[in-house]
Amino acid sequence: MITLGIETSCDETGVAVTSGRRVLSSTVTSSVHLHKKYGGVVPEIASRFHVEFIMEVMEAALKASKKRLKNINLVAVTNGPGLVGALLTGISLAKSLSYALDVPVIGVNHVLAHLYSSFLTERNVDFPFVGLVVSGGHTVLFYCEDIDRQCILGQTQDDAVGEAYDKVAKILGLGYPGGPVIEKTAIRSMGKNKIVFPKSYMGKDSLDFSFSGIKTAVLYYVRKMRRLDSGMVSDICRAFQEAALDVLVDKTCLACKMKNVKRILVGGGVAANLRLRHKLSEAAARSGIRVYFPELKYCLDNGAMIGALGEALYNKGRRSNLYLTAEPNLAA
């Protein structure tokens, strides 16, 4: 089966051609450069960008895959969660293609697509496993029994971890998006300033997350110091990152212990963070747990993860139709 995957949930416009877990092409363009001066995604700008470029991105994906629209057997599209205007752009294209080509269309949950993005490159992942999705809008722990059977074990009660990165970067005047710049700045830390920020565990056995407190702690620390040199900024970034990632690592390993599983899958933009990859892999190895991360190009929003999951769900009997709507708060 040849599937066209369409992703327009936020600021990336992604279209891919997939066949099973095989990625024939994946083309992505981003409006992030347009949001930088605002310090975050502006929904109207993101939506207009999708409208302007989605046809061009689709044509590039088809060309790279050496396929034509007449070769498409299924159209998979993100229908939530996300920005409603952005979602509607992709859904409108997907339903138009479904009708014109007389092929089925299937709506795909954006968060679950991130969760299963490791499947694009890993061929031997067995169920069950614990899944961790970490991005600018989501921090969720799942217990997964099959491709269409998963339940939420815990999730953020306020800021997502990626959102906390963005806000801390803004506090420090480092720009947007915050994840890459904080990671890069933290590497330069010499540890001269012994800074420790609080970690919120929300109870001994809780698998929920909270990152608003650490963001506020950084704000108060910066206000107290008044003047910051580059060394101090690096030390703050390092202390923030270590505290935030420690919570992610500890709770993910705790979830494995509680569910008695030996596999972890990680997805989402923050899954590209090399420090997270190192810390989680090291902690998991001590308990005999295997960790799977997506390739870096599949950590950010892309159409390949939508196409692959959409086809897998279609083969399991899931169906959508031309009444498919955007569900910006779609629960995983």
C-alpha atoms as a PDB file:
ATOM      1  CA  MET A   1       0.000   0.000   0.000  1.00  0.00           C
ATOM      2  CA  ILE A   2       1.253   3.497  -0.866  1.00  0.00           C
ATOM      3  CA  THR A   3       0.205   6.119   1.679  1.00  0.00           C
ATOM      4  CA  LEU A   4       0.396   9.893   1.528  1.00  0.00           C
ATOM      5  CA  GLY A   5       0.983  11.330   5.020  1.00  0.00           C
ATOM      6  CA  ILE A   6       0.090  14.964   5.736  1.00  0.00           C
ATOM      7  CA  GLU A   7       1.142  16.835   8.887  1.00  0.00           C
ATOM      8  CA  THR A   8       0.088  20.448   9.591  1.00  0.00           C
ATOM      9  CA  SER A   9      -0.594  20.555  13.326  1.00  0.00           C
ATOM     10  CA  CYS A  10       1.633  23.502  14.195  1.00  0.00           C
ATOM     11  CA  ASP A  11       4.530  25.273  12.454  1.00  0.00           C
ATOM     12  CA  GLU A  12       5.907  22.463  10.260  1.00  0.00           C
ATOM     13  CA  THR A  13       4.321  21.596   6.929  1.00  0.00           C
ATOM     14  CA  GLY A  14       5.156  17.970   6.255  1.00  0.00           C
ATOM     15  CA  VAL A  15       4.140  15.573   3.495  1.00  0.00           C
ATOM     16  CA  ALA A  16       5.553  12.088   3.031  1.00  0.00           C
ATOM     17  CA  VAL A  17       5.019   9.022   0.898  1.00  0.00           C
ATOM     18  CA  THR A  18       5.260   5.777   2.854  1.00  0.00           C
ATOM     19  CA  SER A  19       4.669   2.081   2.347  1.00  0.00           C
ATOM     20  CA  GLY A  20       4.243   0.250   5.610  1.00  0.00           C
ATOM     21  CA  ARG A  21       7.132   1.442   7.764  1.00  0.00           C
ATOM     22  CA  ARG A  22       9.240   2.258   4.714  1.00  0.00           C
ATOM     23  CA  VAL A  23       9.665   5.973   4.005  1.00  0.00           C
ATOM     24  CA  LEU A  24       9.787   6.616   0.263  1.00  0.00           C
ATOM     25  CA  SER A  25      10.081  10.365   0.780  1.00  0.00           C
ATOM     26  CA  SER A  26       9.548  12.947   3.504  1.00  0.00           C
ATOM     27  CA  THR A  27       9.504  16.664   2.810  1.00  0.00           C
ATOM     28  CA  VAL A  28       9.167  19.273   5.561  1.00  0.00           C
ATOM     29  CA  THR A  29       9.255  23.047   5.576  1.00  0.00           C
ATOM     30  CA  SER A  30       8.855  25.220   8.649  1.00  0.00           C
ATOM     31  CA  SER A  31       7.549  28.661   9.524  1.00  0.00           C
ATOM     32  CA  VAL A  32       9.658  28.798  12.712  1.00  0.00           C
ATOM     33  CA  HIS A  33      11.703  31.696  11.308  1.00  0.00           C
ATOM     34  CA  LEU A  34       8.529  33.779  11.129  1.00  0.00           C
ATOM     35  CA  HIS A  35       7.719  33.167  14.807  1.00  0.00           C
ATOM     36  CA  LYS A  36      11.160  33.941  16.249  1.00  0.00           C
ATOM     37  CA  LYS A  37      10.522  37.631  16.891  1.00  0.00           C
ATOM     38  CA  TYR A  38       7.336  36.805  18.797  1.00  0.00           C
ATOM     39  CA  GLY A  39       8.994  34.220  21.048  1.00  0.00           C
ATOM     40  CA  GLY A  40       6.472  31.526  20.179  1.00  0.00           C
ATOM     41  CA  VAL A  41       4.125  30.220  17.501  1.00  0.00           C
ATOM     42  CA  VAL A  42       1.541  32.698  16.203  1.00  0.00           C
ATOM     43  CA  PRO A  43      -1.425  30.561  15.045  1.00  0.00           C
ATOM     44  CA  GLU A  44      -2.514  32.853  12.204  1.00  0.00           C
ATOM     45  CA  ILE A  45       1.002  33.014  10.749  1.00  0.00           C
ATOM     46  CA  ALA A  46       1.369  29.230  10.987  1.00  0.00           C
ATOM     47  CA  SER A  47      -1.974  28.654   9.276  1.00  0.00           C
ATOM     48  CA  ARG A  48      -1.241  31.036   6.412  1.00  0.00           C
ATOM     49  CA  PHE A  49       2.165  29.427   5.908  1.00  0.00           C
ATOM     50  CA  HIS A  50       0.554  25.992   5.525  1.00  0.00           C
ATOM     51  CA  VAL A  51      -1.926  27.349   2.969  1.00  0.00           C
ATOM     52  CA  GLU A  52       0.872  28.958   0.981  1.00  0.00           C
ATOM     53  CA  PHE A  53       3.303  26.042   0.884  1.00  0.00           C
ATOM     54  CA  ILE A  54       1.432  22.761   1.344  1.00  0.00           C
ATOM     55  CA  MET A  55       0.938  22.090  -2.383  1.00  0.00           C
ATOM     56  CA  GLU A  56       4.603  22.775  -3.069  1.00  0.00           C
ATOM     57  CA  VAL A  57       5.642  20.427  -0.236  1.00  0.00           C
ATOM     58  CA  MET A  58       3.319  17.689  -1.515  1.00  0.00           C
ATOM     59  CA  GLU A  59       4.668  17.976  -5.040  1.00  0.00           C
ATOM     60  CA  ALA A  60       8.245  17.745  -3.725  1.00  0.00           C
ATOM     61  CA  ALA A  61       7.398  14.634  -1.685  1.00  0.00           C
ATOM     62  CA  LEU A  62       5.774  12.930  -4.677  1.00  0.00           C
ATOM     63  CA  LYS A  63       8.703  13.772  -6.919  1.00  0.00           C
ATOM     64  CA  ALA A  64      11.248  12.466  -4.400  1.00  0.00           C
ATOM     65  CA  SER A  65       9.311   9.213  -4.009  1.00  0.00           C
ATOM     66  CA  LYS A  66       9.012   8.771  -7.781  1.00  0.00           C
ATOM     67  CA  LYS A  67       5.269   8.338  -7.296  1.00  0.00           C
ATOM     68  CA  ARG A  68       2.268  10.167  -8.729  1.00  0.00           C
ATOM     69  CA  LEU A  69      -1.076  10.894  -7.152  1.00  0.00           C
ATOM     70  CA  LYS A  70      -2.622   8.034  -9.124  1.00  0.00           C
ATOM     71  CA  ASN A  71      -0.317   5.643  -7.200  1.00  0.00           C
ATOM     72  CA  ILE A  72      -1.686   6.688  -3.787  1.00  0.00           C
ATOM     73  CA  ASN A  73      -3.895   4.093  -2.053  1.00  0.00           C
ATOM     74  CA  LEU A  74      -4.512   5.881   1.275  1.00  0.00           C
ATOM     75  CA  VAL A  75      -4.347   9.448   2.572  1.00  0.00           C
ATOM     76  CA  ALA A  76      -3.412   9.855   6.250  1.00  0.00           C
ATOM     77  CA  VAL A  77      -3.631  13.250   7.923  1.00  0.00           C
ATOM     78  CA  THR A  78      -3.166  14.734  11.374  1.00  0.00           C
ATOM     79  CA  ASN A  79      -6.558  15.767  12.769  1.00  0.00           C
ATOM     80  CA  GLY A  80      -5.410  16.684  16.274  1.00  0.00           C
ATOM     81  CA  PRO A  81      -4.207  17.863  18.634  1.00  0.00           C
ATOM     82  CA  GLY A  82      -2.870  21.127  17.258  1.00  0.00           C
ATOM     83  CA  LEU A  83      -3.805  24.601  16.061  1.00  0.00           C
ATOM     84  CA  VAL A  84      -7.256  24.439  14.538  1.00  0.00           C
ATOM     85  CA  GLY A  85      -6.472  26.624  11.520  1.00  0.00           C
ATOM     86  CA  ALA A  86      -3.299  24.688  10.794  1.00  0.00           C
ATOM     87  CA  LEU A  87      -5.052  21.327  11.157  1.00  0.00           C
ATOM     88  CA  LEU A  88      -7.838  22.370   8.815  1.00  0.00           C
ATOM     89  CA  THR A  89      -5.356  23.109   6.037  1.00  0.00           C
ATOM     90  CA  GLY A  90      -4.032  19.562   6.027  1.00  0.00           C
ATOM     91  CA  ILE A  91      -7.464  17.997   6.535  1.00  0.00           C
ATOM     92  CA  SER A  92      -8.954  19.994   3.661  1.00  0.00           C
ATOM     93  CA  LEU A  93      -6.224  18.808   1.318  1.00  0.00           C
ATOM     94  CA  ALA A  94      -6.544  15.207   2.548  1.00  0.00           C
ATOM     95  CA  LYS A  95     -10.303  15.083   2.047  1.00  0.00           C
ATOM     96  CA  SER A  96     -10.027  16.703  -1.390  1.00  0.00           C
ATOM     97  CA  LEU A  97      -7.463  14.098  -2.454  1.00  0.00           C
ATOM     98  CA  SER A  98      -9.560  11.273  -0.983  1.00  0.00           C
ATOM     99  CA  TYR A  99     -12.595  12.396  -2.971  1.00  0.00           C
ATOM    100  CA  ALA A 100     -10.741  13.138  -6.210  1.00  0.00           C
ATOM    101  CA  LEU A 101      -8.658   9.932  -6.182  1.00  0.00           C
ATOM    102  CA  ASP A 102     -11.445   7.761  -4.737  1.00  0.00           C
ATOM    103  CA  VAL A 103      -9.146   6.437  -1.994  1.00  0.00           C
ATOM    104  CA  PRO A 104      -9.797   6.240   1.768  1.00  0.00           C
ATOM    105  CA  VAL A 105      -8.718   8.945   4.211  1.00  0.00           C
ATOM    106  CA  ILE A 106      -7.767   8.352   7.849  1.00  0.00           C
ATOM    107  CA  GLY A 107      -7.262  10.824  10.674  1.00  0.00           C
ATOM    108  CA  VAL A 108      -4.187  10.320  12.858  1.00  0.00           C
ATOM    109  CA  ASN A 109      -3.451  11.513  16.387  1.00  0.00           C
ATOM    110  CA  HIS A 110      -0.356  13.724  16.300  1.00  0.00           C
ATOM    111  CA  VAL A 111       0.924  12.670  19.736  1.00  0.00           C
ATOM    112  CA  LEU A 112       0.599   8.962  19.001  1.00  0.00           C
ATOM    113  CA  ALA A 113       2.378   9.454  15.688  1.00  0.00           C
ATOM    114  CA  HIS A 114       5.351  10.892  17.610  1.00  0.00           C
ATOM    115  CA  LEU A 115       5.165   7.938  19.980  1.00  0.00           C
ATOM    116  CA  TYR A 116       5.478   5.429  17.146  1.00  0.00           C
ATOM    117  CA  SER A 117       8.001   7.412  15.067  1.00  0.00           C
ATOM    118  CA  SER A 118      10.790   5.028  16.124  1.00  0.00           C
ATOM    119  CA  PHE A 119       8.977   2.372  14.080  1.00  0.00           C
ATOM    120  CA  LEU A 120      10.156   4.180  10.940  1.00  0.00           C
ATOM    121  CA  THR A 121      13.691   2.901  11.514  1.00  0.00           C
ATOM    122  CA  GLU A 122      13.401   0.167  14.153  1.00  0.00           C
ATOM    123  CA  ARG A 123      12.061  -3.082  12.728  1.00  0.00           C
ATOM    124  CA  ASN A 124      12.161  -5.296  15.815  1.00  0.00           C
ATOM    125  CA  VAL A 125      10.311  -3.408  18.568  1.00  0.00           C
ATOM    126  CA  ASP A 126       8.097  -5.747  20.564  1.00  0.00           C
ATOM    127  CA  PHE A 127       5.015  -4.887  22.591  1.00  0.00           C
ATOM    128  CA  PRO A 128       4.363  -4.046  25.357  1.00  0.00           C
ATOM    129  CA  PHE A 129       6.503  -0.991  26.095  1.00  0.00           C
ATOM    130  CA  VAL A 130       6.458   2.361  27.883  1.00  0.00           C
ATOM    131  CA  GLY A 131       6.285   5.349  25.550  1.00  0.00           C
ATOM    132  CA  LEU A 132       7.429   8.882  26.352  1.00  0.00           C
ATOM    133  CA  VAL A 133       6.351  11.802  24.137  1.00  0.00           C
ATOM    134  CA  VAL A 134       8.225  15.035  24.868  1.00  0.00           C
ATOM    135  CA  SER A 135       7.687  18.177  22.808  1.00  0.00           C
ATOM    136  CA  GLY A 136       6.794  21.849  22.981  1.00  0.00           C
ATOM    137  CA  GLY A 137       3.159  21.055  23.636  1.00  0.00           C
ATOM    138  CA  HIS A 138       3.144  17.576  25.148  1.00  0.00           C
ATOM    139  CA  THR A 139       4.790  15.547  27.884  1.00  0.00           C
ATOM    140  CA  VAL A 140       3.017  12.196  28.189  1.00  0.00           C
ATOM    141  CA  LEU A 141       3.845   8.689  29.400  1.00  0.00           C
ATOM    142  CA  PHE A 142       2.020   5.780  27.740  1.00  0.00           C
ATOM    143  CA  TYR A 143       1.715   2.060  28.289  1.00  0.00           C
ATOM    144  CA  CYS A 144       1.439   0.467  24.845  1.00  0.00           C
ATOM    145  CA  GLU A 145       0.100  -3.047  24.268  1.00  0.00           C
ATOM    146  CA  ASP A 146      -0.357  -2.800  20.495  1.00  0.00           C
ATOM    147  CA  ILE A 147      -0.305  -0.217  17.731  1.00  0.00           C
ATOM    148  CA  ASP A 148      -3.944   0.604  18.438  1.00  0.00           C
ATOM    149  CA  ARG A 149      -4.028  -0.105  22.179  1.00  0.00           C
ATOM    150  CA  GLN A 150      -2.370   2.276  24.593  1.00  0.00           C
ATOM    151  CA  CYS A 151      -3.276   4.116  27.760  1.00  0.00           C
ATOM    152  CA  ILE A 152      -1.916   7.242  29.404  1.00  0.00           C
ATOM    153  CA  LEU A 153       0.089   6.609  32.567  1.00  0.00           C
ATOM    154  CA  GLY A 154       0.912  10.241  33.313  1.00  0.00           C
ATOM    155  CA  GLN A 155       1.153  13.648  31.684  1.00  0.00           C
ATOM    156  CA  THR A 156       2.090  17.229  32.433  1.00  0.00           C
ATOM    157  CA  GLN A 157      -0.286  19.150  34.652  1.00  0.00           C
ATOM    158  CA  ASP A 158       0.954  22.534  33.407  1.00  0.00           C
ATOM    159  CA  ASP A 159       3.871  23.280  31.068  1.00  0.00           C
ATOM    160  CA  ALA A 160       5.214  20.664  28.688  1.00  0.00           C
ATOM    161  CA  VAL A 161       8.962  20.181  28.967  1.00  0.00           C
ATOM    162  CA  GLY A 162       9.576  21.789  25.567  1.00  0.00           C
ATOM    163  CA  GLU A 163       7.460  24.751  26.627  1.00  0.00           C
ATOM    164  CA  ALA A 164       9.604  25.096  29.754  1.00  0.00           C
ATOM    165  CA  TYR A 165      12.724  25.160  27.556  1.00  0.00           C
ATOM    166  CA  ASP A 166      11.185  27.957  25.464  1.00  0.00           C
ATOM    167  CA  LYS A 167      10.245  30.020  28.509  1.00  0.00           C
ATOM    168  CA  VAL A 168      13.626  29.635  30.184  1.00  0.00           C
ATOM    169  CA  ALA A 169      15.336  30.628  26.946  1.00  0.00           C
ATOM    170  CA  LYS A 170      13.158  33.741  26.846  1.00  0.00           C
ATOM    171  CA  ILE A 171      14.025  34.591  30.458  1.00  0.00           C
ATOM    172  CA  LEU A 172      17.724  34.332  29.574  1.00  0.00           C
ATOM    173  CA  GLY A 173      17.347  36.270  26.313  1.00  0.00           C
ATOM    174  CA  LEU A 174      18.522  33.334  24.202  1.00  0.00           C
ATOM    175  CA  GLY A 175      15.758  33.458  21.601  1.00  0.00           C
ATOM    176  CA  TYR A 176      13.269  30.972  20.182  1.00  0.00           C
ATOM    177  CA  PRO A 177      12.978  28.015  19.937  1.00  0.00           C
ATOM    178  CA  GLY A 178      14.504  27.303  23.324  1.00  0.00           C
ATOM    179  CA  GLY A 179      15.358  23.605  23.144  1.00  0.00           C
ATOM    180  CA  PRO A 180      18.349  23.663  20.788  1.00  0.00           C
ATOM    181  CA  VAL A 181      19.831  26.890  22.169  1.00  0.00           C
ATOM    182  CA  ILE A 182      19.621  25.795  25.807  1.00  0.00           C
ATOM    183  CA  GLU A 183      21.166  22.428  24.983  1.00  0.00           C
ATOM    184  CA  LYS A 184      24.001  24.128  23.111  1.00  0.00           C
ATOM    185  CA  THR A 185      24.561  26.726  25.851  1.00  0.00           C
ATOM    186  CA  ALA A 186      24.504  24.087  28.618  1.00  0.00           C
ATOM    187  CA  ILE A 187      27.375  22.216  26.940  1.00  0.00           C
ATOM    188  CA  ARG A 188      29.588  25.271  27.470  1.00  0.00           C
ATOM    189  CA  SER A 189      29.009  25.250  31.228  1.00  0.00           C
ATOM    190  CA  MET A 190      32.167  24.853  33.326  1.00  0.00           C
ATOM    191  CA  GLY A 191      30.161  24.292  36.517  1.00  0.00           C
ATOM    192  CA  LYS A 192      31.736  27.296  38.225  1.00  0.00           C
ATOM    193  CA  ASN A 193      28.420  28.329  39.761  1.00  0.00           C
ATOM    194  CA  LYS A 194      26.925  25.489  41.772  1.00  0.00           C
ATOM    195  CA  ILE A 195      23.293  26.032  40.802  1.00  0.00           C
ATOM    196  CA  VAL A 196      20.563  23.571  41.734  1.00  0.00           C
ATOM    197  CA  PHE A 197      16.944  23.978  40.672  1.00  0.00           C
ATOM    198  CA  PRO A 198      14.017  22.109  42.261  1.00  0.00           C
ATOM    199  CA  LYS A 199      12.570  18.959  40.731  1.00  0.00           C
ATOM    200  CA  SER A 200       8.837  18.351  40.960  1.00  0.00           C
ATOM    201  CA  TYR A 201       7.927  14.698  41.366  1.00  0.00           C
ATOM    202  CA  MET A 202       4.298  15.253  42.444  1.00  0.00           C
ATOM    203  CA  GLY A 203       4.309  12.362  44.900  1.00  0.00           C
ATOM    204  CA  LYS A 204       6.349   9.199  45.364  1.00  0.00           C
ATOM    205  CA  ASP A 205       4.554   7.024  42.799  1.00  0.00           C
ATOM    206  CA  SER A 206       3.047   9.716  40.589  1.00  0.00           C
ATOM    207  CA  LEU A 207       3.758   9.513  36.860  1.00  0.00           C
ATOM    208  CA  ASP A 208       2.444  13.018  36.175  1.00  0.00           C
ATOM    209  CA  PHE A 209       4.752  15.932  35.410  1.00  0.00           C
ATOM    210  CA  SER A 210       5.004  19.601  36.352  1.00  0.00           C
ATOM    211  CA  PHE A 211       7.523  21.998  34.841  1.00  0.00           C
ATOM    212  CA  SER A 212       6.056  25.389  35.738  1.00  0.00           C
ATOM    213  CA  GLY A 213       7.894  25.435  39.086  1.00  0.00           C
ATOM    214  CA  ILE A 214      11.365  25.042  37.634  1.00  0.00           C
ATOM    215  CA  LYS A 215      10.655  27.777  35.088  1.00  0.00           C
ATOM    216  CA  THR A 216       9.641  30.110  37.930  1.00  0.00           C
ATOM    217  CA  ALA A 217      12.721  29.117  39.935  1.00  0.00           C
ATOM    218  CA  VAL A 218      14.923  30.143  37.008  1.00  0.00           C
ATOM    219  CA  LEU A 219      13.081  33.467  36.749  1.00  0.00           C
ATOM    220  CA  TYR A 220      13.577  34.252  40.445  1.00  0.00           C
ATOM    221  CA  TYR A 221      17.235  33.239  40.298  1.00  0.00           C
ATOM    222  CA  VAL A 222      17.875  35.525  37.321  1.00  0.00           C
ATOM    223  CA  ARG A 223      16.109  38.426  39.042  1.00  0.00           C
ATOM    224  CA  LYS A 224      18.187  37.869  42.166  1.00  0.00           C
ATOM    225  CA  MET A 225      21.477  37.885  40.238  1.00  0.00           C
ATOM    226  CA  ARG A 226      20.509  40.983  38.220  1.00  0.00           C
ATOM    227  CA  ARG A 227      23.572  40.842  35.982  1.00  0.00           C
ATOM    228  CA  LEU A 228      24.575  37.673  34.167  1.00  0.00           C
ATOM    229  CA  ASP A 229      27.790  36.930  32.296  1.00  0.00           C
ATOM    230  CA  SER A 230      28.052  34.196  29.665  1.00  0.00           C
ATOM    231  CA  GLY A 231      29.448  31.694  32.170  1.00  0.00           C
ATOM    232  CA  MET A 232      26.514  32.233  34.507  1.00  0.00           C
ATOM    233  CA  VAL A 233      24.025  31.810  31.656  1.00  0.00           C
ATOM    234  CA  SER A 234      25.678  28.535  30.666  1.00  0.00           C
ATOM    235  CA  ASP A 235      25.545  27.279  34.255  1.00  0.00           C
ATOM    236  CA  ILE A 236      21.854  28.200  34.544  1.00  0.00           C
ATOM    237  CA  CYS A 237      21.073  26.351  31.310  1.00  0.00           C
ATOM    238  CA  ARG A 238      22.962  23.297  32.528  1.00  0.00           C
ATOM    239  CA  ALA A 239      21.239  23.291  35.933  1.00  0.00           C
ATOM    240  CA  PHE A 240      17.810  23.746  34.376  1.00  0.00           C
ATOM    241  CA  GLN A 241      18.351  21.034  31.792  1.00  0.00           C
ATOM    242  CA  GLU A 242      19.700  18.512  34.311  1.00  0.00           C
ATOM    243  CA  ALA A 243      16.754  19.052  36.678  1.00  0.00           C
ATOM    244  CA  ALA A 244      14.120  18.822  33.925  1.00  0.00           C
ATOM    245  CA  LEU A 245      15.649  15.747  32.304  1.00  0.00           C
ATOM    246  CA  ASP A 246      16.175  13.982  35.636  1.00  0.00           C
ATOM    247  CA  VAL A 247      12.417  14.071  36.203  1.00  0.00           C
ATOM    248  CA  LEU A 248      11.725  12.678  32.729  1.00  0.00           C
ATOM    249  CA  VAL A 249      14.254   9.892  33.186  1.00  0.00           C
ATOM    250  CA  ASP A 250      13.189   8.953  36.719  1.00  0.00           C
ATOM    251  CA  LYS A 251       9.476   8.797  35.916  1.00  0.00           C
ATOM    252  CA  THR A 252       9.971   6.867  32.680  1.00  0.00           C
ATOM    253  CA  CYS A 253      12.071   4.255  34.463  1.00  0.00           C
ATOM    254  CA  LEU A 254       9.517   4.152  37.289  1.00  0.00           C
ATOM    255  CA  ALA A 255       6.771   3.495  34.727  1.00  0.00           C
ATOM    256  CA  CYS A 256       8.751   0.534  33.381  1.00  0.00           C
ATOM    257  CA  LYS A 257       9.107  -0.839  36.889  1.00  0.00           C
ATOM    258  CA  MET A 258       5.396  -0.395  37.639  1.00  0.00           C
ATOM    259  CA  LYS A 259       4.318  -2.073  34.373  1.00  0.00           C
ATOM    260  CA  ASN A 260       7.140  -4.638  34.414  1.00  0.00           C
ATOM    261  CA  VAL A 261       8.370  -3.907  30.882  1.00  0.00           C
ATOM    262  CA  LYS A 262      11.880  -3.746  29.480  1.00  0.00           C
ATOM    263  CA  ARG A 263      11.381  -1.417  26.512  1.00  0.00           C
ATOM    264  CA  ILE A 264      11.021   2.361  26.185  1.00  0.00           C
ATOM    265  CA  LEU A 265      10.137   4.339  23.041  1.00  0.00           C
ATOM    266  CA  VAL A 266      10.687   8.099  22.989  1.00  0.00           C
ATOM    267  CA  GLY A 267       9.233  10.574  20.497  1.00  0.00           C
ATOM    268  CA  GLY A 268       8.704  14.303  19.981  1.00  0.00           C
ATOM    269  CA  GLY A 269      10.953  17.301  19.422  1.00  0.00           C
ATOM    270  CA  VAL A 270      12.750  17.017  22.766  1.00  0.00           C
ATOM    271  CA  ALA A 271      13.706  13.432  21.834  1.00  0.00           C
ATOM    272  CA  ALA A 272      16.384  15.075  19.670  1.00  0.00           C
ATOM    273  CA  ASN A 273      18.109  16.346  22.836  1.00  0.00           C
ATOM    274  CA  LEU A 274      21.397  14.448  23.052  1.00  0.00           C
ATOM    275  CA  ARG A 275      21.653  14.874  26.817  1.00  0.00           C
ATOM    276  CA  LEU A 276      18.230  13.238  27.258  1.00  0.00           C
ATOM    277  CA  ARG A 277      19.294  10.385  25.001  1.00  0.00           C
ATOM    278  CA  HIS A 278      22.421   9.807  27.064  1.00  0.00           C
ATOM    279  CA  LYS A 279      20.800  10.093  30.485  1.00  0.00           C
ATOM    280  CA  LEU A 280      17.796   7.897  29.693  1.00  0.00           C
ATOM    281  CA  SER A 281      19.842   5.238  27.904  1.00  0.00           C
ATOM    282  CA  GLU A 282      22.323   5.110  30.793  1.00  0.00           C
ATOM    283  CA  ALA A 283      19.633   4.926  33.494  1.00  0.00           C
ATOM    284  CA  ALA A 284      17.625   2.318  31.595  1.00  0.00           C
ATOM    285  CA  ALA A 285      20.659   0.138  30.954  1.00  0.00           C
ATOM    286  CA  ARG A 286      21.233  -0.187  34.699  1.00  0.00           C
ATOM    287  CA  SER A 287      17.831  -1.910  34.904  1.00  0.00           C
ATOM    288  CA  GLY A 288      18.258  -3.968  31.752  1.00  0.00           C
ATOM    289  CA  ILE A 289      15.832  -1.780  29.775  1.00  0.00           C
ATOM    290  CA  ARG A 290      16.242  -1.085  26.046  1.00  0.00           C
ATOM    291  CA  VAL A 291      15.525   2.461  24.823  1.00  0.00           C
ATOM    292  CA  TYR A 292      14.533   3.348  21.261  1.00  0.00           C
ATOM    293  CA  PHE A 293      14.791   6.870  19.858  1.00  0.00           C
ATOM    294  CA  PRO A 294      13.712   8.064  16.401  1.00  0.00           C
ATOM    295  CA  GLU A 295      16.252   9.339  13.932  1.00  0.00           C
ATOM    296  CA  LEU A 296      16.763  13.054  14.529  1.00  0.00           C
ATOM    297  CA  LYS A 297      14.893  13.959  11.327  1.00  0.00           C
ATOM    298  CA  TYR A 298      11.789  12.158  12.621  1.00  0.00           C
ATOM    299  CA  CYS A 299      11.778  13.823  16.056  1.00  0.00           C
ATOM    300  CA  LEU A 300      10.227  17.022  14.711  1.00  0.00           C
ATOM    301  CA  ASP A 301       6.803  17.077  13.054  1.00  0.00           C
ATOM    302  CA  ASN A 302       6.790  15.207   9.748  1.00  0.00           C
ATOM    303  CA  GLY A 303       4.422  13.463   7.375  1.00  0.00           C
ATOM    304  CA  ALA A 304       6.250  10.122   7.499  1.00  0.00           C
ATOM    305  CA  MET A 305       5.121   9.321  11.039  1.00  0.00           C
ATOM    306  CA  ILE A 306       1.542  10.215  10.051  1.00  0.00           C
ATOM    307  CA  GLY A 307       1.600   8.031   6.950  1.00  0.00           C
ATOM    308  CA  ALA A 308       3.132   5.014   8.690  1.00  0.00           C
ATOM    309  CA  LEU A 309       0.797   5.100  11.692  1.00  0.00           C
ATOM    310  CA  GLY A 310      -2.212   5.866   9.486  1.00  0.00           C
ATOM    311  CA  GLU A 311      -1.571   2.803   7.338  1.00  0.00           C
ATOM    312  CA  ALA A 312      -1.004   0.591  10.395  1.00  0.00           C
ATOM    313  CA  LEU A 313      -4.307   1.739  11.916  1.00  0.00           C
ATOM    314  CA  TYR A 314      -6.113   1.300   8.596  1.00  0.00           C
ATOM    315  CA  ASN A 315      -4.867  -2.284   8.438  1.00  0.00           C
ATOM    316  CA  LYS A 316      -6.259  -2.755  11.952  1.00  0.00           C
ATOM    317  CA  GLY A 317      -9.698  -1.703  10.744  1.00  0.00           C
ATOM    318  CA  ARG A 318      -9.708   2.001  11.681  1.00  0.00           C
ATOM    319  CA  ARG A 319     -11.664   4.197   9.297  1.00  0.00           C
ATOM    320  CA  SER A 320     -12.416   7.890   8.766  1.00  0.00           C
ATOM    321  CA  ASN A 321     -14.559   9.590   6.151  1.00  0.00           C
ATOM    322  CA  LEU A 322     -15.143  12.944   4.488  1.00  0.00           C
ATOM    323  CA  TYR A 323     -16.792  14.223   7.677  1.00  0.00           C
ATOM    324  CA  LEU A 324     -13.358  14.138   9.365  1.00  0.00           C
ATOM    325  CA  THR A 325     -12.878  17.312  11.419  1.00  0.00           C
ATOM    326  CA  ALA A 326     -10.051  19.106  13.186  1.00  0.00           C
ATOM    327  CA  GLU A 327      -9.939  18.275  16.891  1.00  0.00           C
ATOM    328  CA  PRO A 328      -7.387  20.666  18.424  1.00  0.00           C
ATOM    329  CA  ASN A 329      -7.714  19.101  21.896  1.00  0.00           C
ATOM    330  CA  LEU A 330      -7.929  15.493  20.730  1.00  0.00           C
ATOM    331  CA  ALA A 331      -7.070  13.242  23.668  1.00  0.00           C
ATOM    332  CA  ALA A 332      -4.458  10.576  23.019  1.00  0.00           C
END
